[in-house]
């Protein structure tokens, strides 16, 4: 998913992020502003994951969005 697509569907994507990672606050999600690449860092910080685990979670999420 490119940045333009993420920004265009941001309201829908925000809901999906919140449903998958409930520990992320609305402020955390709003700080992304459609920049999905920053999501892995937010996941890592809030969930205490290693960088590799956070990137894996992000990758799976991104792939699930692309399938729809």
Protein backbone atom coordinates (compact mmCIF):
# COMPACT_ATOMS: atom_id res chain seq x y z
CA UNK A 1 0.00 0.00 0.00
CA UNK A 2 1.44 3.33 -0.97
CA UNK A 3 1.17 6.54 0.99
CA UNK A 4 -1.55 8.01 -1.26
CA UNK A 5 -3.75 4.95 -0.80
CA UNK A 6 -3.21 5.01 2.97
CA UNK A 7 -4.12 8.68 3.18
CA UNK A 8 -7.21 8.19 0.99
CA UNK A 9 -8.57 5.39 3.16
CA UNK A 10 -7.23 6.71 6.44
CA UNK A 11 -10.49 6.67 8.41
CA UNK A 12 -11.08 3.00 7.58
CA UNK A 13 -7.47 2.05 8.22
CA UNK A 14 -7.45 3.85 11.58
CA UNK A 15 -10.36 1.69 12.71
CA UNK A 16 -8.58 -1.47 11.65
CA UNK A 17 -5.39 -0.42 13.43
CA UNK A 18 -7.34 0.32 16.62
CA UNK A 19 -9.13 -3.04 16.39
CA UNK A 20 -5.88 -4.98 15.94
CA UNK A 21 -3.70 -3.04 18.39
CA UNK A 22 -5.98 -1.70 21.12
CA UNK A 23 -3.04 -0.44 23.18
CA UNK A 24 -2.34 2.20 20.56
CA UNK A 25 -4.02 5.43 21.60
CA UNK A 26 -5.92 7.71 19.27
CA UNK A 27 -2.99 10.11 19.54
CA UNK A 28 -0.55 7.36 18.51
CA UNK A 29 -2.66 6.63 15.46
CA UNK A 30 -3.22 10.30 14.61
CA UNK A 31 0.55 10.88 14.72
CA UNK A 32 0.91 8.43 11.84
CA UNK A 33 -1.13 10.73 9.55
CA UNK A 34 -1.26 8.07 6.87
CA UNK A 35 2.45 7.26 7.16
CA UNK A 36 2.07 3.52 7.62
CA UNK A 37 5.83 2.94 7.80
CA UNK A 38 5.81 4.54 11.27
CA UNK A 39 3.26 2.01 12.51
CA UNK A 40 5.88 -0.66 13.26
CA UNK A 41 7.65 1.74 15.62
CA UNK A 42 4.41 2.54 17.43
CA UNK A 43 3.64 -1.17 17.79
CA UNK A 44 7.14 -1.85 19.08
CA UNK A 45 6.89 0.93 21.67
CA UNK A 46 3.40 0.16 22.99
CA UNK A 47 3.68 -3.63 23.02
CA UNK A 48 7.34 -3.96 23.95
CA UNK A 49 8.07 -6.09 20.89
CA UNK A 50 11.51 -6.53 19.43
CA UNK A 51 12.00 -4.56 16.23
CA UNK A 52 11.76 -7.71 14.11
CA UNK A 53 8.47 -8.77 15.73
CA UNK A 54 6.94 -5.31 15.29
CA UNK A 55 7.99 -5.24 11.63
CA UNK A 56 6.53 -8.72 11.13
CA UNK A 57 3.21 -7.62 12.66
CA UNK A 58 3.18 -4.52 10.46
CA UNK A 59 4.00 -6.56 7.35
CA UNK A 60 1.12 -8.98 7.98
CA UNK A 61 -1.27 -6.09 8.60
CA UNK A 62 -0.16 -4.31 5.45
CA UNK A 63 -0.61 -7.50 3.43
CA UNK A 64 -4.10 -7.99 4.84
CA UNK A 65 -5.04 -4.47 3.72
CA UNK A 66 -3.69 -5.08 0.23
CA UNK A 67 -5.84 -8.20 -0.17
CA UNK A 68 -9.06 -6.22 0.27
